[in-house]
Amino acid sequence: MRIAVASGKGGTGKSTVSANLAQALSETQPVVLVDCDVEEPNLHLFFPSQNTQHPVTVDNPVIDTGLCNGCGDCGRFCRYGALTVIKGKHSFFPELCHSCNGCAVVCPQKAITMAPREVGVVRIQEPSPTLTLISGVLNEGEVQAPPVINSAKRRAEKEALVIYDSSPGIACPVIETLEGSDFCILVTESTPFGLHDLELAAGVAEEMGMPAGVVINRSDGKDGLINEYCKQVGLPVLMTIPFDRHIASVQNVGGLMALEISGWDVKFLKLFTDIVTILEACE
């Protein structure tokens, strides 16, 4: 089973939900937690332990100037503006390259080959015998997050139970994270902004044909806006986490509610069983 945790905006508590759900599940079964927020991964803060690093590379074109005749076919083919040819001279912008290999295919002189370039790393930790944390980390200055996300996800593709913690928003990195997931947990908060961004994230899950449910975080007990919206669109509210000083104090020092506050491990296990029930009803 693949469960993605997403939100329309940052700061709603995605990582909190992901980390605590993984911790609670790891008490009874093996689970893999994948941090797909590769621009700002933070799940390692909840699970300090040794890690191994594996580079992530993408293929970029290398032009043999001895073979190139400056025809410009490669630049005309590239729809991303990564490769341009002006007056027979090439300009290449690696951050824009999508590694499609098209420029090499269309080159009549066979002057272009593809070579790997490192864009990030995947870090693997084993904080406990039943919990594995895989974190994608995009190199500073890089803009193409999907290759790093995809590499991190591939490290867990053979595992039975995987939780993906996505980046905030609804852009390409989120789509890459949600792809192939069985269920999406949408984390929100009871504010007008929270509702607006929940609507966006729920729309993405619906467009991808993915069952979803909502977790309301930092609730002040006035959740009418969120509950009404969820009722209208048929989204179940799976859990409500209160705006609580004790919870905040545990999280602020890298602690986990499921470990340090009585009863929360049971609540996160119920969150999982509710997801299983929804998926069984969809079959």
Protein backbone atom coordinates (compact mmCIF):
# COMPACT_ATOMS: atom_id res chain seq x y z
CA MET A 1 0.00 0.00 0.00
CA ARG A 2 1.17 3.51 -0.90
CA ILE A 3 -0.16 6.44 1.13
CA ALA A 4 0.72 10.01 0.12
CA VAL A 5 0.45 12.92 2.54
CA ALA A 6 -0.14 16.26 0.84
CA SER A 7 -1.42 19.79 1.40
CA GLY A 8 -2.12 22.83 -0.72
CA LYS A 9 0.23 25.02 1.33
CA GLY A 10 3.27 24.73 3.54
CA GLY A 11 3.15 24.65 7.32
CA THR A 12 -0.09 22.71 7.73
CA GLY A 13 1.53 19.70 9.39
CA LYS A 14 2.23 17.21 6.59
CA SER A 15 5.49 16.10 8.12
CA THR A 16 3.88 15.80 11.55
CA VAL A 17 1.19 13.47 10.21
CA SER A 18 3.65 11.48 8.07
CA ALA A 19 6.18 10.98 10.85
CA ASN A 20 3.65 10.03 13.52
CA LEU A 21 1.72 7.69 11.24
CA ALA A 22 4.95 5.94 10.28
CA GLN A 23 6.04 5.68 13.91
CA ALA A 24 2.70 4.23 15.05
CA LEU A 25 2.63 1.68 12.22
CA SER A 26 6.24 0.65 12.81
CA GLU A 27 5.27 -0.62 16.27
CA THR A 28 3.35 -3.48 14.62
CA GLN A 29 4.78 -3.91 11.10
CA PRO A 30 7.58 -2.80 8.77
CA VAL A 31 7.00 0.57 7.13
CA VAL A 32 9.02 2.80 4.81
CA LEU A 33 8.70 6.58 5.07
CA VAL A 34 9.82 8.56 2.00
CA ASP A 35 10.50 12.29 2.31
CA CYS A 36 9.59 13.63 -1.14
CA ASP A 37 9.83 17.29 -0.11
CA VAL A 38 13.28 17.29 -1.70
CA GLU A 39 13.82 21.05 -1.58
CA GLU A 40 13.37 21.14 2.21
CA PRO A 41 13.36 17.58 3.60
CA ASN A 42 12.88 17.54 7.37
CA LEU A 43 11.70 14.09 8.44
CA HIS A 44 15.25 13.19 9.47
CA LEU A 45 14.82 15.63 12.37
CA PHE A 46 12.24 13.26 13.89
CA PHE A 47 14.40 10.18 13.33
CA PRO A 48 18.08 11.02 14.02
CA SER A 49 20.28 8.12 12.90
CA GLN A 50 23.16 7.28 10.59
CA ASN A 51 22.51 7.45 6.86
CA THR A 52 23.94 6.22 3.60
CA GLN A 53 23.93 8.51 0.58
CA HIS A 54 23.28 7.63 -3.05
CA PRO A 55 23.78 10.22 -5.83
CA VAL A 56 20.96 11.10 -8.21
CA THR A 57 21.99 12.00 -11.75
CA VAL A 58 20.24 13.18 -14.90
CA ASP A 59 21.51 12.92 -18.46
CA ASN A 60 22.56 16.17 -20.12
CA PRO A 61 23.84 16.69 -23.67
CA VAL A 62 27.54 16.99 -24.45
CA ILE A 63 28.36 18.49 -27.85
CA ASP A 64 31.39 17.43 -29.86
CA THR A 65 32.37 20.71 -31.49
CA GLY A 66 34.56 18.83 -33.94
CA LEU A 67 31.53 17.07 -35.40
CA CYS A 68 28.94 19.84 -35.00
CA ASN A 69 28.26 21.97 -38.08
CA GLY A 70 26.02 24.49 -36.28
CA CYS A 71 22.85 23.53 -38.15
CA GLY A 72 20.67 24.33 -35.12
CA ASP A 73 18.38 21.27 -35.33
CA CYS A 74 18.99 20.51 -31.65
CA GLY A 75 17.97 23.99 -30.52
CA ARG A 76 14.84 23.99 -32.66
CA PHE A 77 13.84 20.63 -31.17
CA CYS A 78 14.24 21.67 -27.51
CA ARG A 79 10.91 23.03 -26.25
CA TYR A 80 12.33 24.02 -22.87
CA GLY A 81 14.98 26.45 -24.10
CA ALA A 82 17.76 24.40 -22.54
CA LEU A 83 19.76 24.27 -25.77
CA THR A 84 20.01 27.12 -28.25
CA VAL A 85 22.20 27.70 -31.29
CA ILE A 86 22.85 31.27 -32.42
CA LYS A 87 25.18 31.89 -35.38
CA GLY A 88 26.56 28.39 -35.03
CA LYS A 89 27.39 28.78 -31.33
CA HIS A 90 25.70 26.69 -28.63
CA SER A 91 24.34 27.82 -25.30
CA PHE A 92 23.23 25.17 -22.82
CA PHE A 93 21.27 25.77 -19.60
CA PRO A 94 21.35 22.53 -17.58
CA GLU A 95 18.65 23.64 -15.12
CA LEU A 96 16.13 23.71 -17.99
CA CYS A 97 17.07 20.35 -19.49
CA HIS A 98 14.49 17.55 -19.09
CA SER A 99 16.93 14.82 -20.23
CA CYS A 100 14.63 13.68 -23.05
CA ASN A 101 17.59 12.82 -25.34
CA GLY A 102 15.75 14.41 -28.26
CA CYS A 103 18.61 16.71 -29.21
CA ALA A 104 20.93 13.73 -29.62
CA VAL A 105 18.34 11.90 -31.74
CA VAL A 106 17.73 14.77 -34.18
CA CYS A 107 21.38 15.78 -34.59
CA PRO A 108 22.29 14.87 -38.21
CA GLN A 109 26.01 14.89 -37.42
CA LYS A 110 25.70 12.62 -34.35
CA ALA A 111 27.62 15.29 -32.48
CA ILE A 112 25.60 15.03 -29.26
CA THR A 113 25.96 12.38 -26.57
CA MET A 114 24.35 12.28 -23.14
CA ALA A 115 26.39 12.34 -19.93
CA PRO A 116 25.27 12.13 -16.28
CA ARG A 117 25.18 15.19 -14.01
CA GLU A 118 24.47 14.96 -10.28
CA VAL A 119 21.40 16.91 -9.15
CA GLY A 120 20.84 15.50 -5.68
CA VAL A 121 21.18 12.55 -3.34
CA VAL A 122 18.97 9.98 -1.68
CA ARG A 123 19.68 9.37 2.01
CA ILE A 124 18.62 6.11 3.64
CA GLN A 125 18.27 5.67 7.40
CA GLU A 126 17.04 2.84 9.59
CA PRO A 127 15.98 4.42 12.90
CA SER A 128 14.51 1.10 14.03
CA PRO A 129 14.35 -2.49 12.76
CA THR A 130 10.83 -1.89 11.41
CA LEU A 131 11.18 1.69 10.15
CA THR A 132 13.18 2.90 7.16
CA LEU A 133 13.44 6.57 6.23
CA ILE A 134 14.33 7.50 2.65
CA SER A 135 14.95 11.21 2.01
CA GLY A 136 15.40 12.87 -1.36
CA VAL A 137 17.65 15.93 -1.23
CA LEU A 138 17.86 18.29 -4.20
CA ASN A 139 21.25 19.99 -4.61
CA GLU A 140 21.35 23.71 -3.94
CA GLY A 141 20.67 25.72 -7.09
CA GLU A 142 18.89 22.89 -8.90
CA VAL A 143 15.27 23.32 -9.98
CA GLN A 144 14.27 19.92 -11.33
CA ALA A 145 12.84 18.15 -8.28
CA PRO A 146 11.01 15.24 -10.00
CA PRO A 147 14.14 13.17 -10.82
CA VAL A 148 15.18 13.18 -7.15
CA ILE A 149 11.63 12.36 -6.00
CA ASN A 150 11.41 9.51 -8.51
CA SER A 151 14.77 8.13 -7.38
CA ALA A 152 13.70 8.22 -3.72
CA LYS A 153 10.42 6.47 -4.53
CA ARG A 154 12.17 3.75 -6.53
CA ARG A 155 14.18 2.84 -3.43
CA ALA A 156 10.91 1.81 -1.76
CA GLU A 157 9.08 0.30 -4.72
CA LYS A 158 9.38 -3.30 -3.49
CA GLU A 159 8.15 -2.54 0.03
CA ALA A 160 4.66 -3.53 1.18
CA LEU A 161 3.76 -0.39 3.15
CA VAL A 162 5.08 3.03 2.11
CA ILE A 163 4.21 6.57 3.19
CA TYR A 164 5.16 9.47 0.90
CA ASP A 165 5.51 12.94 2.46
CA SER A 166 5.04 15.36 -0.44
CA SER A 167 6.11 18.95 -0.87
CA PRO A 168 3.45 21.63 -0.34
CA GLY A 169 1.37 23.00 -3.20
CA ILE A 170 0.08 21.37 -6.37
CA ALA A 171 3.02 21.72 -8.78
CA CYS A 172 5.07 19.04 -10.58
CA PRO A 173 6.84 17.72 -7.44
CA VAL A 174 3.47 16.96 -5.83
CA ILE A 175 2.20 15.19 -8.96
CA GLU A 176 5.39 13.11 -9.07
CA THR A 177 4.92 12.15 -5.41
CA LEU A 178 1.24 11.23 -5.75
CA GLU A 179 1.75 9.18 -8.92
CA GLY A 180 1.20 5.51 -8.14
CA SER A 181 -0.22 6.12 -4.65
CA ASP A 182 -3.31 4.27 -3.43
CA PHE A 183 -4.59 6.98 -1.10
CA CYS A 184 -3.95 10.64 -0.32
CA ILE A 185 -4.14 12.20 3.14
CA LEU A 186 -4.86 15.92 2.77
CA VAL A 187 -3.63 17.91 5.77
CA THR A 188 -5.27 21.28 6.37
CA GLU A 189 -6.06 23.84 9.05
CA SER A 190 -9.30 25.65 9.88
CA THR A 191 -8.63 29.00 8.25
CA PRO A 192 -9.89 30.60 5.02
CA PHE A 193 -6.43 30.12 3.52
CA GLY A 194 -6.41 26.50 4.67
CA LEU A 195 -9.75 25.89 2.99
CA HIS A 196 -8.63 27.53 -0.26
CA ASP A 197 -5.51 25.40 -0.48
CA LEU A 198 -7.37 22.26 0.57
CA GLU A 199 -9.71 22.77 -2.38
CA LEU A 200 -6.71 22.95 -4.73
CA ALA A 201 -5.06 19.82 -3.31
CA ALA A 202 -8.33 17.89 -3.27
CA GLY A 203 -8.80 18.81 -6.91
CA VAL A 204 -5.44 17.28 -7.79
CA ALA A 205 -6.27 14.03 -5.99
CA GLU A 206 -9.63 13.89 -7.74
CA GLU A 207 -8.06 14.57 -11.13
CA MET A 208 -5.66 11.69 -10.53
CA GLY A 209 -8.55 9.40 -9.58
CA MET A 210 -7.18 8.87 -6.08
CA PRO A 211 -9.28 8.27 -2.93
CA ALA A 212 -8.55 10.92 -0.31
CA GLY A 213 -9.39 11.96 3.23
CA VAL A 214 -8.68 14.98 5.39
CA VAL A 215 -6.73 15.54 8.60
CA ILE A 216 -7.44 18.86 10.32
CA ASN A 217 -4.35 20.06 12.18
CA ARG A 218 -4.08 22.74 14.89
CA SER A 219 -7.84 22.76 15.33
CA ASP A 220 -9.29 25.39 17.66
CA GLY A 221 -12.63 23.57 17.67
CA LYS A 222 -14.09 25.90 15.06
CA ASP A 223 -13.82 23.64 12.04
CA GLY A 224 -17.15 24.51 10.41
CA LEU A 225 -15.64 25.79 7.15
CA ILE A 226 -13.58 22.65 6.60
CA ASN A 227 -16.27 20.22 7.72
CA GLU A 228 -18.89 21.83 5.48
CA TYR A 229 -16.60 21.72 2.45
CA CYS A 230 -15.67 18.08 3.10
CA LYS A 231 -19.35 17.19 3.43
CA GLN A 232 -20.16 18.92 0.14
CA VAL A 233 -17.49 17.12 -1.87
CA GLY A 234 -17.65 13.77 -0.05
CA LEU A 235 -14.25 13.90 1.60
CA PRO A 236 -14.11 12.07 4.97
CA VAL A 237 -12.48 13.89 7.89
CA LEU A 238 -10.23 11.14 9.22
CA MET A 239 -8.59 12.89 12.17
CA THR A 240 -8.58 16.19 14.04
CA ILE A 241 -5.43 17.29 15.87
CA PRO A 242 -6.10 20.08 18.40
CA PHE A 243 -4.17 23.31 18.78
CA ASP A 244 -2.51 22.19 21.98
CA ARG A 245 0.49 23.51 23.92
CA HIS A 246 1.64 20.01 24.95
CA ILE A 247 1.62 18.78 21.36
CA ALA A 248 3.50 21.89 20.23
CA SER A 249 6.14 21.50 22.93
CA VAL A 250 6.80 17.88 21.89
CA GLN A 251 7.05 18.71 18.19
CA ASN A 252 9.22 21.79 18.68
CA VAL A 253 12.07 19.65 20.00
CA GLY A 254 11.73 16.98 17.31
CA GLY A 255 9.52 14.66 19.36
CA LEU A 256 6.67 12.48 18.16
CA MET A 257 3.14 12.55 19.56
CA ALA A 258 2.76 8.84 18.81
CA LEU A 259 5.71 8.11 21.11
CA GLU A 260 5.49 10.72 23.82
CA ILE A 261 1.81 11.54 24.36
CA SER A 262 -0.47 8.80 25.63
CA GLY A 263 -3.16 7.65 23.24
CA TRP A 264 -1.89 9.24 20.04
CA ASP A 265 -0.32 6.03 18.76
CA VAL A 266 -3.79 4.47 18.89
CA LYS A 267 -5.29 7.47 17.07
CA PHE A 268 -2.77 7.22 14.25
CA LEU A 269 -3.35 3.48 13.98
CA LYS A 270 -7.07 4.22 13.66
CA LEU A 271 -6.25 6.70 10.90
CA PHE A 272 -4.59 3.86 9.02
CA THR A 273 -7.42 1.37 9.59
CA ASP A 274 -9.94 3.97 8.38
CA ILE A 275 -7.88 4.36 5.19
CA VAL A 276 -7.85 0.59 4.70
CA THR A 277 -11.64 0.51 5.13
CA ILE A 278 -12.11 3.24 2.51
CA LEU A 279 -9.86 1.44 0.04
CA GLU A 280 -11.67 -1.86 0.59
CA ALA A 281 -14.98 -0.11 -0.13
CA CYS A 282 -13.53 1.22 -3.40
CA GLU A 283 -12.66 -2.26 -4.69
